[in-house]
N, C-alpha and C. Protein backbone atom coordinates (compact mmCIF):
# COMPACT_ATOMS: atom_id res chain seq x y z
N UNK A 1 0.51 -1.05 0.26
CA UNK A 1 -0.01 0.02 -0.02
C UNK A 1 0.84 1.05 0.09
N UNK A 2 0.85 1.99 -0.81
CA UNK A 2 1.37 3.45 -0.98
C UNK A 2 0.94 4.35 -0.25
N UNK A 3 1.58 5.47 -0.01
CA UNK A 3 1.15 6.87 0.65
C UNK A 3 -0.08 6.89 0.33
N UNK A 4 0.00 7.46 -1.37
CA UNK A 4 -1.31 7.57 -1.81
C UNK A 4 -2.77 6.86 -1.67
N UNK A 5 -2.79 5.29 -1.78
CA UNK A 5 -3.31 4.48 -1.21
C UNK A 5 -3.85 5.04 0.33
N UNK A 6 -3.04 5.21 1.30
CA UNK A 6 -3.42 5.84 2.36
C UNK A 6 -4.58 6.42 2.36
N UNK A 7 -3.89 7.59 1.87
CA UNK A 7 -4.62 9.19 1.47
C UNK A 7 -6.29 8.57 0.75
N UNK A 8 -6.26 7.90 0.07
CA UNK A 8 -7.47 7.69 -0.37
C UNK A 8 -8.45 6.67 0.64
N UNK A 9 -7.88 5.64 1.02
CA UNK A 9 -8.55 5.19 2.10
C UNK A 9 -9.09 5.99 3.18
N UNK A 10 -8.56 6.75 3.55
CA UNK A 10 -8.40 8.11 4.71
C UNK A 10 -9.76 8.67 4.36
N UNK A 11 -9.81 9.13 3.07
CA UNK A 11 -10.43 10.29 2.35
C UNK A 11 -11.79 10.01 2.62
N UNK A 12 -12.38 8.44 2.71
CA UNK A 12 -13.61 8.07 2.98
C UNK A 12 -14.42 8.75 4.34
N UNK A 13 -13.18 9.27 5.33
CA UNK A 13 -13.88 9.85 6.40
C UNK A 13 -14.19 11.46 6.39
N UNK A 14 -13.35 11.94 5.02
CA UNK A 14 -13.59 13.43 4.70
C UNK A 14 -15.10 13.88 5.08
N UNK A 15 -15.98 13.64 4.43
CA UNK A 15 -17.51 13.54 4.18
C UNK A 15 -18.26 13.33 5.74
N UNK A 16 -17.57 12.70 6.49
CA UNK A 16 -18.29 12.94 8.17
C UNK A 16 -17.30 13.97 8.95
N UNK A 17 -16.30 14.04 8.83
CA UNK A 17 -15.59 15.07 9.37
C UNK A 17 -15.94 16.52 8.95
N UNK A 18 -16.27 16.89 7.43
CA UNK A 18 -16.88 18.27 7.40
C UNK A 18 -18.39 18.27 7.68
N UNK A 19 -19.35 17.25 7.67
CA UNK A 19 -20.47 16.81 8.15
C UNK A 19 -20.62 17.29 10.17
N UNK A 20 -19.61 16.96 10.84
CA UNK A 20 -19.50 17.23 12.17
C UNK A 20 -19.07 18.30 12.45
N UNK A 21 -18.24 18.94 11.88
CA UNK A 21 -17.96 20.42 11.37
C UNK A 21 -18.76 21.49 11.15
N UNK A 22 -19.51 20.76 10.14
CA UNK A 22 -20.57 22.16 9.74
C UNK A 22 -21.86 22.12 10.80
N UNK A 23 -22.27 20.67 11.33
CA UNK A 23 -23.24 20.53 12.09
C UNK A 23 -23.11 21.58 13.43
N UNK A 24 -21.64 21.03 14.18
CA UNK A 24 -21.29 21.97 15.32
C UNK A 24 -21.03 23.66 15.02
N UNK A 25 -20.64 23.55 14.07
CA UNK A 25 -20.43 24.94 13.77
C UNK A 25 -21.86 25.86 13.49
N UNK A 26 -22.62 25.34 12.58
CA UNK A 26 -23.98 26.07 12.64
C UNK A 26 -24.83 26.04 14.15
N UNK A 27 -24.81 24.73 14.75
CA UNK A 27 -25.50 24.76 16.07
C UNK A 27 -24.39 26.15 17.15
N UNK A 28 -23.38 26.22 16.97
CA UNK A 28 -22.34 27.29 17.94
C UNK A 28 -22.83 28.68 17.49
N UNK A 29 -23.23 28.60 15.82
CA UNK A 29 -23.09 29.96 15.44
C UNK A 29 -24.63 30.52 15.72
N UNK A 30 -25.78 29.35 15.74
CA UNK A 30 -27.26 29.61 15.91
C UNK A 30 -27.50 30.12 17.40
N UNK A 31 -27.06 29.14 18.53
CA UNK A 31 -26.93 29.39 19.79
C UNK A 31 -26.40 30.62 20.11
N UNK A 32 -25.20 30.96 19.80
CA UNK A 32 -24.47 32.14 20.32
C UNK A 32 -24.84 33.05 19.74
N UNK A 33 -25.50 33.38 18.51
CA UNK A 33 -25.86 34.70 18.30
C UNK A 33 -27.35 34.92 18.45
N UNK A 34 -28.02 33.87 19.21
CA UNK A 34 -29.53 34.29 19.76
C UNK A 34 -29.09 34.26 21.35
N UNK A 35 -28.32 33.98 21.89
CA UNK A 35 -27.93 33.89 23.59
C UNK A 35 -27.27 35.93 23.31
N UNK A 36 -26.23 35.84 22.66
CA UNK A 36 -25.97 37.51 22.89
C UNK A 36 -26.60 38.42 22.18
N UNK A 37 -27.90 38.07 21.28
CA UNK A 37 -29.06 39.02 21.27
C UNK A 37 -30.12 39.21 22.14
N UNK A 38 -30.05 38.25 22.85
CA UNK A 38 -30.93 38.41 24.42
C UNK A 38 -30.11 38.98 25.48
N UNK A 39 -28.89 38.28 25.34
CA UNK A 39 -28.21 39.36 26.32
C UNK A 39 -27.97 41.13 25.88
N UNK A 40 -27.82 41.13 24.55
CA UNK A 40 -28.07 42.64 24.04
C UNK A 40 -29.29 43.36 24.49
N UNK A 41 -30.23 42.70 24.41
CA UNK A 41 -31.45 43.48 24.80
C UNK A 41 -31.80 43.50 25.80
N UNK A 42 -31.23 42.79 26.69
CA UNK A 42 -31.38 42.28 28.04
C UNK A 42 -32.82 41.80 28.66
N UNK A 43 -33.35 40.99 27.91
CA UNK A 43 -34.55 40.32 28.06
C UNK A 43 -34.56 39.47 29.38
N UNK A 44 -35.74 40.37 29.95
CA UNK A 44 -36.36 39.25 31.21
C UNK A 44 -35.32 39.36 32.14
N UNK A 45 -34.13 40.20 31.98
CA UNK A 45 -33.25 40.17 33.11
C UNK A 45 -32.34 38.51 32.77
N UNK A 46 -32.52 38.06 31.77
CA UNK A 46 -31.75 36.93 31.55
C UNK A 46 -29.99 37.26 31.38
N UNK A 47 -29.48 38.21 31.84
CA UNK A 47 -28.03 38.50 31.32
C UNK A 47 -27.23 37.25 32.56
N UNK A 48 -27.40 37.38 33.68
CA UNK A 48 -26.89 36.55 34.70
C UNK A 48 -26.84 35.10 33.83
N UNK A 49 -28.17 34.48 33.77
CA UNK A 49 -28.25 33.26 33.21
C UNK A 49 -27.35 33.20 31.88
N UNK A 50 -27.22 34.38 31.06
CA UNK A 50 -26.58 33.83 29.76
C UNK A 50 -25.12 33.69 30.44
N UNK A 51 -24.88 34.95 31.14
CA UNK A 51 -23.09 34.97 31.64
C UNK A 51 -22.96 33.57 32.72
N UNK A 52 -23.30 32.80 33.22
CA UNK A 52 -23.35 31.69 33.67
C UNK A 52 -23.27 30.38 32.63
N UNK A 53 -23.66 30.65 31.63
CA UNK A 53 -24.22 29.60 30.51
C UNK A 53 -22.77 29.72 29.97
N UNK A 54 -21.91 31.11 29.50
CA UNK A 54 -20.88 30.78 28.48
C UNK A 54 -19.89 30.50 29.59
N UNK A 55 -20.03 31.01 30.83
CA UNK A 55 -18.73 30.64 31.98
C UNK A 55 -18.60 29.09 31.85
N UNK A 56 -19.82 28.29 32.20
CA UNK A 56 -19.46 26.87 32.46
C UNK A 56 -19.56 26.58 30.66
N UNK A 57 -19.69 26.58 29.93
CA UNK A 57 -19.50 25.79 28.90
C UNK A 57 -18.16 26.11 28.52
N UNK A 58 -17.61 27.19 28.65
CA UNK A 58 -16.46 27.46 28.10
C UNK A 58 -15.19 26.89 28.92
N UNK A 59 -15.59 26.19 30.43
CA UNK A 59 -14.83 25.94 31.10
C UNK A 59 -14.96 23.71 31.03
N UNK A 60 -15.93 23.93 30.57
CA UNK A 60 -15.97 22.27 30.56
C UNK A 60 -15.36 21.86 29.60
N UNK A 61 -14.57 20.54 29.63
CA UNK A 61 -13.96 20.13 28.16
C UNK A 61 -14.91 19.33 27.73
N UNK A 62 -14.70 19.37 26.47
CA UNK A 62 -15.50 19.05 25.23
C UNK A 62 -15.64 17.96 25.36
N UNK A 63 -14.63 16.65 25.42
CA UNK A 63 -14.77 15.41 25.79
C UNK A 63 -15.62 14.65 26.96
N UNK A 64 -15.34 15.59 27.96
CA UNK A 64 -16.12 15.55 29.19
C UNK A 64 -17.86 15.39 28.78
N UNK A 65 -17.69 16.61 28.25
CA UNK A 65 -19.52 16.67 28.13
C UNK A 65 -19.67 15.80 26.96
N UNK A 66 -18.70 15.47 26.04
CA UNK A 66 -19.51 14.65 24.60
C UNK A 66 -19.78 13.16 25.29
N UNK A 67 -19.23 12.69 26.35
CA UNK A 67 -19.30 11.57 27.11
C UNK A 67 -20.64 11.51 28.26
N UNK A 68 -20.71 12.76 28.54
CA UNK A 68 -21.83 12.89 29.62
C UNK A 68 -23.26 13.28 28.49
N UNK A 69 -23.26 13.62 27.56
CA UNK A 69 -24.29 13.45 26.55
C UNK A 69 -24.52 11.94 25.71
N UNK A 70 -23.49 11.40 25.70
CA UNK A 70 -23.63 9.95 24.62
C UNK A 70 -23.60 9.05 25.52
N UNK A 71 -23.13 8.94 26.65
CA UNK A 71 -23.11 7.66 27.33
C UNK A 71 -23.93 8.52 28.87
N UNK A 72 -23.96 9.28 29.28
CA UNK A 72 -24.63 9.54 30.51
C UNK A 72 -26.03 9.63 30.11
N UNK A 73 -26.62 10.58 29.21
CA UNK A 73 -28.26 10.39 29.15
C UNK A 73 -29.01 9.33 29.07
N UNK A 74 -28.49 7.66 28.38
CA UNK A 74 -29.24 7.12 28.44
C UNK A 74 -29.58 6.24 29.82
N UNK A 75 -28.75 6.54 30.66
CA UNK A 75 -28.90 5.92 31.89
C UNK A 75 -30.16 6.65 32.36
N UNK A 76 -30.59 8.09 32.24
CA UNK A 76 -32.08 8.31 32.57
C UNK A 76 -33.12 8.53 31.47
N UNK A 77 -32.64 8.07 30.67
CA UNK A 77 -33.90 7.26 29.42
C UNK A 77 -33.42 8.16 28.52
N UNK A 78 -32.42 8.93 27.89
CA UNK A 78 -32.78 9.76 27.00
C UNK A 78 -31.39 9.26 25.79
N UNK A 79 -31.73 8.77 25.04
CA UNK A 79 -30.80 8.24 23.92
C UNK A 79 -30.51 9.24 22.95
N UNK A 80 -29.23 9.26 22.93
CA UNK A 80 -29.04 10.57 22.10
C UNK A 80 -28.17 10.19 20.65
N UNK A 81 -28.73 10.18 19.31
CA UNK A 81 -27.56 9.96 18.37
C UNK A 81 -26.37 10.22 18.48
N UNK A 82 -25.32 9.59 17.83
CA UNK A 82 -24.03 10.36 17.56
C UNK A 82 -23.81 11.73 17.45
N UNK A 83 -24.48 12.16 16.06
CA UNK A 83 -24.31 13.56 15.39
C UNK A 83 -25.05 14.48 16.55
N UNK A 84 -26.06 14.19 16.71
CA UNK A 84 -26.86 15.28 17.69
C UNK A 84 -25.69 15.14 18.99
N UNK A 85 -25.30 14.04 19.44
CA UNK A 85 -24.51 14.27 20.63
C UNK A 85 -22.97 15.40 20.32
N UNK A 86 -22.55 15.00 19.29
CA UNK A 86 -21.32 16.25 18.78
C UNK A 86 -22.35 17.50 19.17
N UNK A 87 -23.34 17.69 18.44
CA UNK A 87 -24.03 19.08 18.26
C UNK A 87 -24.26 19.40 19.52
N UNK A 88 -24.53 18.75 20.80
CA UNK A 88 -24.90 19.33 22.42
C UNK A 88 -23.89 19.41 23.27
N UNK A 89 -22.67 18.88 22.40
CA UNK A 89 -21.43 19.25 23.15
C UNK A 89 -20.24 20.08 22.53
N UNK A 90 -19.51 19.39 21.62
CA UNK A 90 -19.21 20.33 20.69
C UNK A 90 -19.58 21.89 20.29
N UNK A 91 -20.96 21.87 19.53
CA UNK A 91 -21.71 22.83 19.31
C UNK A 91 -22.16 23.69 20.37
N UNK A 92 -22.61 23.15 21.04
CA UNK A 92 -22.61 24.42 22.34
C UNK A 92 -21.71 25.11 23.16
N UNK A 93 -20.42 24.15 23.28
CA UNK A 93 -19.21 24.71 23.74
C UNK A 93 -18.69 26.04 22.91
N UNK A 94 -18.85 25.59 21.34
CA UNK A 94 -18.73 26.85 20.49
C UNK A 94 -19.47 27.90 20.68
N UNK A 95 -20.86 27.37 20.57
CA UNK A 95 -22.01 28.74 21.03
C UNK A 95 -21.42 29.59 22.01
N UNK A 96 -21.02 29.03 23.33
CA UNK A 96 -20.52 29.74 24.29
C UNK A 96 -19.30 31.23 24.03
N UNK A 97 -18.53 30.50 23.24
CA UNK A 97 -17.17 31.19 22.87
C UNK A 97 -17.88 32.40 21.72
N UNK A 98 -18.67 31.81 20.69
CA UNK A 98 -18.96 32.86 19.87
C UNK A 98 -20.14 33.88 20.60
N UNK A 99 -20.65 33.40 21.54
CA UNK A 99 -21.40 34.43 22.42
C UNK A 99 -20.73 35.43 22.77
N UNK A 100 -19.32 35.07 23.52
CA UNK A 100 -18.42 36.22 23.80
C UNK A 100 -17.84 36.72 23.01
N UNK A 101 -17.73 36.46 21.32
CA UNK A 101 -17.20 37.11 20.32
C UNK A 101 -17.79 38.02 20.00
N UNK A 102 -19.45 37.48 19.79
CA UNK A 102 -20.75 38.61 19.42
C UNK A 102 -20.69 39.87 20.24
N UNK A 103 -20.45 39.25 21.76
CA UNK A 103 -20.55 40.21 22.77
C UNK A 103 -19.47 41.81 22.47
N UNK A 104 -17.97 41.22 22.13
CA UNK A 104 -17.56 42.22 21.80
C UNK A 104 -17.57 43.07 20.49
N UNK A 105 -18.11 42.02 19.35
CA UNK A 105 -18.48 43.17 18.53
C UNK A 105 -19.41 44.33 18.45
N UNK A 106 -20.66 43.66 19.46
CA UNK A 106 -21.71 44.49 19.59
C UNK A 106 -21.50 45.57 20.50
N UNK A 107 -20.34 45.69 20.84
CA UNK A 107 -19.70 46.39 21.66
C UNK A 107 -18.58 47.76 20.68
N UNK A 108 -18.53 47.15 19.62
CA UNK A 108 -17.86 47.93 18.63
C UNK A 108 -18.80 48.66 17.68
N UNK A 109 -20.32 48.60 17.96
CA UNK A 109 -20.78 49.53 16.79
C UNK A 109 -21.15 50.78 17.44
N UNK A 110 -20.87 51.39 16.45
CA UNK A 110 -20.90 52.91 17.24
C UNK A 110 -22.30 53.52 17.97
N UNK A 111 -22.03 53.90 19.01
CA UNK A 111 -23.43 54.30 20.33
C UNK A 111 -24.03 55.26 19.37
N UNK A 112 -23.42 56.16 18.75
CA UNK A 112 -24.31 57.26 17.95
C UNK A 112 -25.37 56.94 16.90
N UNK A 113 -24.72 55.55 16.61
CA UNK A 113 -26.05 55.10 15.06
C UNK A 113 -27.19 54.65 15.88
N UNK A 114 -26.79 53.90 16.79
CA UNK A 114 -28.24 53.41 17.78
C UNK A 114 -28.89 54.68 18.22
N UNK A 115 -28.04 55.28 18.53
CA UNK A 115 -29.08 56.51 19.11
C UNK A 115 -29.96 57.47 18.32
N UNK A 116 -29.42 57.38 17.46
CA UNK A 116 -29.81 57.89 15.78
C UNK A 116 -30.80 57.44 15.26
N UNK A 117 -30.87 55.85 15.56
CA UNK A 117 -32.04 54.83 14.87
C UNK A 117 -33.08 55.14 15.92
N UNK A 118 -32.93 54.97 17.27
CA UNK A 118 -33.86 55.13 18.53
C UNK A 118 -34.31 56.88 18.27
N UNK A 119 -33.91 57.85 17.84
CA UNK A 119 -34.35 59.47 17.60
C UNK A 119 -35.31 59.29 16.68
N UNK A 120 -35.18 57.91 15.70
CA UNK A 120 -35.96 58.07 14.19
C UNK A 120 -37.26 57.26 14.58
N UNK A 121 -37.45 56.77 15.73
CA UNK A 121 -38.86 56.36 16.33
C UNK A 121 -38.65 54.36 16.09
N UNK A 122 -37.08 53.96 15.66
CA UNK A 122 -37.32 52.43 15.67
C UNK A 122 -37.40 52.11 17.07
N UNK A 123 -37.87 50.89 17.24
CA UNK A 123 -37.90 50.07 18.45
C UNK A 123 -36.48 49.23 18.86
N UNK A 124 -36.31 49.06 19.98
CA UNK A 124 -35.18 48.25 20.63
C UNK A 124 -35.06 47.02 19.51
N UNK A 125 -36.18 46.22 19.16
CA UNK A 125 -35.44 45.07 18.49
C UNK A 125 -35.07 45.75 16.84
N UNK A 126 -36.22 46.62 16.45
CA UNK A 126 -35.48 47.12 15.11
C UNK A 126 -34.02 47.72 15.11
N UNK A 127 -33.77 48.29 15.86
CA UNK A 127 -32.76 48.51 16.09
C UNK A 127 -31.68 47.74 16.00
N UNK A 128 -31.83 46.93 16.91
CA UNK A 128 -31.00 45.44 16.74
C UNK A 128 -30.91 44.75 15.39
N UNK A 129 -32.11 44.78 15.09
CA UNK A 129 -32.32 43.81 13.48
C UNK A 129 -31.09 44.36 12.16
N UNK A 130 -31.74 45.68 12.57
CA UNK A 130 -31.30 46.66 11.16
C UNK A 130 -30.18 47.55 11.10
N UNK A 131 -29.21 47.47 12.67
CA UNK A 131 -28.32 48.67 13.07
C UNK A 131 -27.05 47.73 13.62
N UNK A 132 -27.42 46.88 14.28
CA UNK A 132 -26.67 46.67 15.29
C UNK A 132 -26.04 44.81 14.54
N UNK A 133 -27.05 44.14 14.33
CA UNK A 133 -26.71 42.81 13.85
C UNK A 133 -25.96 42.89 12.65
N UNK A 134 -26.09 43.59 11.51
CA UNK A 134 -25.35 43.61 10.43
C UNK A 134 -23.95 44.22 10.52
N UNK A 135 -23.65 45.14 11.21
CA UNK A 135 -22.60 45.52 11.51
C UNK A 135 -21.65 44.75 12.60
N UNK A 136 -22.65 43.98 13.14
CA UNK A 136 -21.69 43.31 14.50
C UNK A 136 -21.25 41.77 13.58
N UNK A 137 -22.24 41.40 12.83
CA UNK A 137 -21.54 40.13 12.23
C UNK A 137 -20.43 40.32 11.55
N UNK A 138 -20.34 41.68 10.90
CA UNK A 138 -18.93 41.89 9.89
C UNK A 138 -17.69 41.95 11.25
N UNK A 139 -18.12 42.98 12.14
CA UNK A 139 -17.07 42.92 13.07
C UNK A 139 -16.72 41.50 13.49
N UNK A 140 -17.26 40.54 13.56
CA UNK A 140 -17.01 39.24 14.17
C UNK A 140 -16.84 38.36 13.49
N UNK A 141 -16.50 38.63 12.29
CA UNK A 141 -15.91 37.27 10.95
C UNK A 141 -14.31 36.91 11.42
N UNK A 142 -13.57 37.61 12.20
CA UNK A 142 -12.04 37.01 12.36
C UNK A 142 -12.29 36.22 13.63
N UNK A 143 -13.01 36.45 14.67
CA UNK A 143 -13.48 35.40 15.61
C UNK A 143 -14.01 34.29 15.33
N UNK A 144 -15.01 34.60 14.48
CA UNK A 144 -15.84 33.19 14.04
C UNK A 144 -14.81 32.38 13.20
N UNK A 145 -14.25 33.01 12.37
CA UNK A 145 -12.96 31.92 11.98
C UNK A 145 -12.31 31.13 12.75
N UNK A 146 -11.79 32.01 13.93
CA UNK A 146 -10.89 31.25 14.87
C UNK A 146 -11.68 30.29 15.43
N UNK A 147 -13.08 30.15 15.78
CA UNK A 147 -13.92 29.30 16.44
C UNK A 147 -14.32 28.28 15.56
N UNK A 148 -14.25 28.45 14.01
CA UNK A 148 -14.59 27.96 13.24
C UNK A 148 -13.22 26.25 13.22
N UNK A 149 -12.03 27.19 13.20
CA UNK A 149 -10.85 26.36 13.43
C UNK A 149 -10.82 25.22 14.62
N UNK A 150 -11.20 25.93 15.83
CA UNK A 150 -11.18 25.25 16.60
C UNK A 150 -12.11 24.01 16.88
N UNK A 151 -13.62 24.01 16.18
CA UNK A 151 -14.65 23.12 15.74
C UNK A 151 -13.82 21.91 15.27
N UNK A 152 -13.17 22.52 14.23
CA UNK A 152 -12.56 21.33 13.33
C UNK A 152 -11.63 20.60 13.99
N UNK A 153 -10.78 21.14 14.70
CA UNK A 153 -9.58 20.67 15.40
C UNK A 153 -10.36 19.45 16.67
N UNK A 154 -11.13 19.98 16.80
CA UNK A 154 -11.64 18.98 18.01
C UNK A 154 -13.16 18.03 17.50
N UNK A 155 -13.31 17.82 15.95
CA UNK A 155 -13.74 17.03 15.17
C UNK A 155 -13.44 15.67 15.57
N UNK A 156 -12.68 15.24 15.45
CA UNK A 156 -11.92 13.86 15.88
C UNK A 156 -12.32 13.14 17.01
N UNK A 157 -13.08 13.92 17.82
CA UNK A 157 -13.56 13.51 19.44
C UNK A 157 -14.69 12.62 18.78
N UNK A 158 -15.41 13.04 17.58
CA UNK A 158 -16.78 12.28 17.06
C UNK A 158 -15.89 10.46 16.75
N UNK A 159 -14.98 10.20 16.73
CA UNK A 159 -14.79 8.81 16.65
C UNK A 159 -15.13 8.12 17.83
N UNK A 160 -15.23 8.93 18.99
CA UNK A 160 -15.38 8.15 20.42
C UNK A 160 -17.25 7.84 20.44
N UNK A 161 -17.82 8.30 19.57
CA UNK A 161 -19.33 8.06 19.61
C UNK A 161 -19.98 7.29 18.56
N UNK A 162 -18.59 6.50 17.55
CA UNK A 162 -18.86 5.71 16.54
C UNK A 162 -18.96 6.42 15.55
N UNK A 163 -18.88 7.65 14.96
CA UNK A 163 -18.89 8.41 14.00
C UNK A 163 -17.72 8.03 12.83
N UNK A 164 -17.44 7.52 11.93
CA UNK A 164 -16.56 7.27 10.92
C UNK A 164 -15.73 8.22 10.17
N UNK A 165 -15.43 9.28 11.04
CA UNK A 165 -15.02 10.28 10.28
C UNK A 165 -13.12 9.67 10.15
N UNK A 166 -12.33 10.75 9.64
CA UNK A 166 -11.29 10.87 9.45
C UNK A 166 -10.15 9.82 10.57
N UNK A 167 -10.53 10.31 11.47
CA UNK A 167 -9.46 9.76 12.75
C UNK A 167 -9.96 8.17 12.57
N UNK A 168 -11.27 7.91 13.16
CA UNK A 168 -11.71 6.75 12.86
C UNK A 168 -11.33 5.74 11.85
N UNK A 169 -10.97 6.22 10.59
CA UNK A 169 -10.60 5.61 9.83
C UNK A 169 -8.77 5.18 10.07
N UNK A 170 -8.73 6.36 10.22
CA UNK A 170 -7.05 6.35 10.81
C UNK A 170 -6.54 5.22 11.58
N UNK A 171 -7.29 5.12 12.67
CA UNK A 171 -7.19 3.92 13.49
C UNK A 171 -7.42 2.56 13.36
N UNK A 172 -8.44 2.39 12.05
CA UNK A 172 -8.74 1.27 11.61
C UNK A 172 -7.79 0.29 10.78
N UNK A 173 -7.02 1.60 10.37
CA UNK A 173 -6.15 1.40 9.11
C UNK A 173 -4.75 1.08 10.10
N UNK A 174 -4.44 1.86 10.97
CA UNK A 174 -3.11 1.82 11.57
C UNK A 174 -3.47 0.08 12.20
N UNK A 175 -4.63 0.11 12.50
CA UNK A 175 -4.26 -1.84 13.15
C UNK A 175 -4.23 -2.68 12.42
N UNK A 176 -4.55 -2.55 10.98
CA UNK A 176 -4.30 -3.23 9.92
C UNK A 176 -3.04 -3.43 8.95
N UNK A 177 -2.37 -2.33 9.24
CA UNK A 177 -1.33 -2.10 8.03
C UNK A 177 0.16 -1.72 9.10
N UNK A 178 0.03 -1.43 10.51
CA UNK A 178 0.77 -0.97 11.44
C UNK A 178 1.75 -0.20 11.06
N UNK A 179 1.16 1.04 9.98
CA UNK A 179 2.00 1.84 9.24
C UNK A 179 1.70 3.44 9.98
N UNK A 180 1.97 3.51 11.41
CA UNK A 180 1.35 4.56 12.39
C UNK A 180 1.76 6.03 12.08
N UNK A 181 3.23 6.01 11.78
CA UNK A 181 3.49 7.07 10.91
C UNK A 181 2.99 7.77 10.01
N UNK A 182 3.10 6.85 8.62
CA UNK A 182 2.28 7.52 7.23
C UNK A 182 0.74 7.57 7.66
N UNK A 183 -0.05 6.80 8.57
CA UNK A 183 -1.19 6.79 8.75
C UNK A 183 -1.40 8.75 9.06
N UNK A 184 -0.52 8.69 10.22
CA UNK A 184 -1.36 10.00 10.65
C UNK A 184 -0.46 11.47 10.45
N UNK A 185 0.48 10.96 9.32
CA UNK A 185 0.80 12.20 8.74
C UNK A 185 -0.28 12.24 7.69
N UNK A 186 -0.61 11.52 6.84
CA UNK A 186 -1.87 11.56 5.91
C UNK A 186 -3.07 12.24 6.62
N UNK A 187 -3.56 11.83 7.77
CA UNK A 187 -4.09 12.55 8.45
C UNK A 187 -4.25 14.02 8.53
N UNK A 188 -3.11 14.19 9.03
CA UNK A 188 -2.55 15.33 9.45
C UNK A 188 -2.90 16.41 7.90
N UNK A 189 -2.20 15.74 6.71
CA UNK A 189 -2.17 16.57 5.69
C UNK A 189 -3.70 16.71 5.38
N UNK A 190 -4.33 15.86 5.30
CA UNK A 190 -6.10 15.78 5.16
C UNK A 190 -6.63 17.17 6.09
N UNK A 191 -6.82 17.01 7.56
CA UNK A 191 -6.97 18.02 8.03
C UNK A 191 -6.61 19.70 7.63
N UNK A 192 -5.21 19.51 7.05
CA UNK A 192 -4.63 20.93 6.90
C UNK A 192 -5.19 21.16 5.67
N UNK A 193 -5.62 20.35 4.49
CA UNK A 193 -6.13 20.56 3.25
C UNK A 193 -7.74 20.84 3.61
N UNK A 194 -8.32 20.27 4.34
CA UNK A 194 -9.75 21.03 4.65
C UNK A 194 -9.99 22.73 5.45
N UNK A 195 -8.81 22.71 6.31
CA UNK A 195 -8.80 23.67 6.64
C UNK A 195 -8.50 24.61 6.06
N UNK A 196 -7.45 24.69 4.88
CA UNK A 196 -7.25 25.75 4.17
C UNK A 196 -8.50 25.92 2.97
N UNK A 197 -8.95 24.97 2.59
CA UNK A 197 -10.53 25.13 1.88
C UNK A 197 -11.22 26.21 2.52
N UNK A 198 -11.77 25.09 3.38
CA UNK A 198 -12.73 26.49 4.67
C UNK A 198 -12.13 27.55 5.04
N UNK A 199 -11.09 28.15 5.11
CA UNK A 199 -10.35 29.00 5.47
C UNK A 199 -10.65 30.19 4.13
N UNK A 200 -10.14 29.70 3.08
CA UNK A 200 -10.35 30.23 1.92
C UNK A 200 -11.83 30.62 1.73
N UNK A 201 -12.79 29.94 1.74
CA UNK A 201 -14.23 29.92 1.61
C UNK A 201 -14.65 30.94 2.43
N UNK A 202 -14.32 30.90 3.79
CA UNK A 202 -14.83 32.18 4.84
C UNK A 202 -14.13 33.31 4.52
N UNK A 203 -12.76 33.44 3.95
CA UNK A 203 -12.25 34.68 3.76
C UNK A 203 -13.05 35.44 2.79
N UNK A 204 -13.03 34.43 1.37
CA UNK A 204 -13.84 35.25 0.48
C UNK A 204 -15.15 35.68 0.69
N UNK A 205 -15.79 35.02 1.81
CA UNK A 205 -17.19 35.48 2.18
C UNK A 205 -16.85 36.91 3.34
N UNK A 206 -16.01 36.81 3.88
CA UNK A 206 -15.96 38.18 4.70
C UNK A 206 -15.09 39.18 3.71
N UNK A 207 -14.62 39.13 2.61
CA UNK A 207 -14.29 40.04 1.61
C UNK A 207 -15.16 40.93 1.14
N UNK A 208 -16.08 40.07 1.02
CA UNK A 208 -17.63 40.18 -0.12
C UNK A 208 -18.33 41.53 0.71
N UNK A 209 -18.39 41.11 2.25
CA UNK A 209 -19.01 41.54 3.38
C UNK A 209 -18.11 42.55 4.26
N UNK A 210 -17.17 43.22 3.54
CA UNK A 210 -16.21 43.72 4.74
C UNK A 210 -16.80 45.39 5.08
N UNK A 211 -16.22 45.90 5.57
CA UNK A 211 -16.59 47.31 6.33
C UNK A 211 -15.52 47.98 5.67
N UNK A 212 -16.07 49.07 4.37
CA UNK A 212 -14.78 49.61 3.89
C UNK A 212 -14.20 50.87 5.00
N UNK A 213 -14.91 51.22 5.93
CA UNK A 213 -14.09 52.34 6.75
C UNK A 213 -13.13 51.48 7.48
N UNK A 214 -13.64 50.15 7.70
CA UNK A 214 -12.09 49.48 8.58
C UNK A 214 -11.12 49.03 7.87
N UNK A 215 -11.58 49.04 6.21
CA UNK A 215 -9.97 48.60 5.40
C UNK A 215 -9.23 49.97 5.05
N UNK A 216 -10.12 51.27 5.21
CA UNK A 216 -9.44 52.30 4.65
C UNK A 216 -8.40 52.70 6.46
N UNK A 217 -8.98 52.48 7.48
CA UNK A 217 -8.54 52.87 8.59
C UNK A 217 -6.97 51.70 8.82
């Protein structure tokens, strides 16, 4: 078996690796955006609960949380599918970090624009939707890219719940060929390739929606 044969064998796990990364990233994005927006509006005094959520989920190791969800919940009658377990562990951890990214980006929005919008008669929710959110998302692109990278790096944990992604394929291939160095070198190459492709896509998206004033600065 040549090195290219090893790469081809491992490539069978690329779809699952990308699937886990996308699902967990989208979970983190949606939940993080929701809780950061609620915090921005200070709805029903939920700020302390949101701060507690971000504090806890940024402190719990992803693998421990994954084991709690996948192996722990069935003991109380809740069986969670592998991909959902990843979303409820890695996805929620990502949401806690992204919520902090969004909070900082919200604070970068010019207060004068918010005041002007309120003076024009816009409600607080309208100000959030039409003034703050569009700018905040642009400001937060670098932070979102960093968190996406972290999610990709944590995606190999999916093998512990039976998802046949790249790492799972590598373990199987190593046990049959005993060529661990070549196999895991190929794993590194594949992950780096996925990272560069996704980074290029995100950067292209960011350039399309960049803020001209920031470039001029």
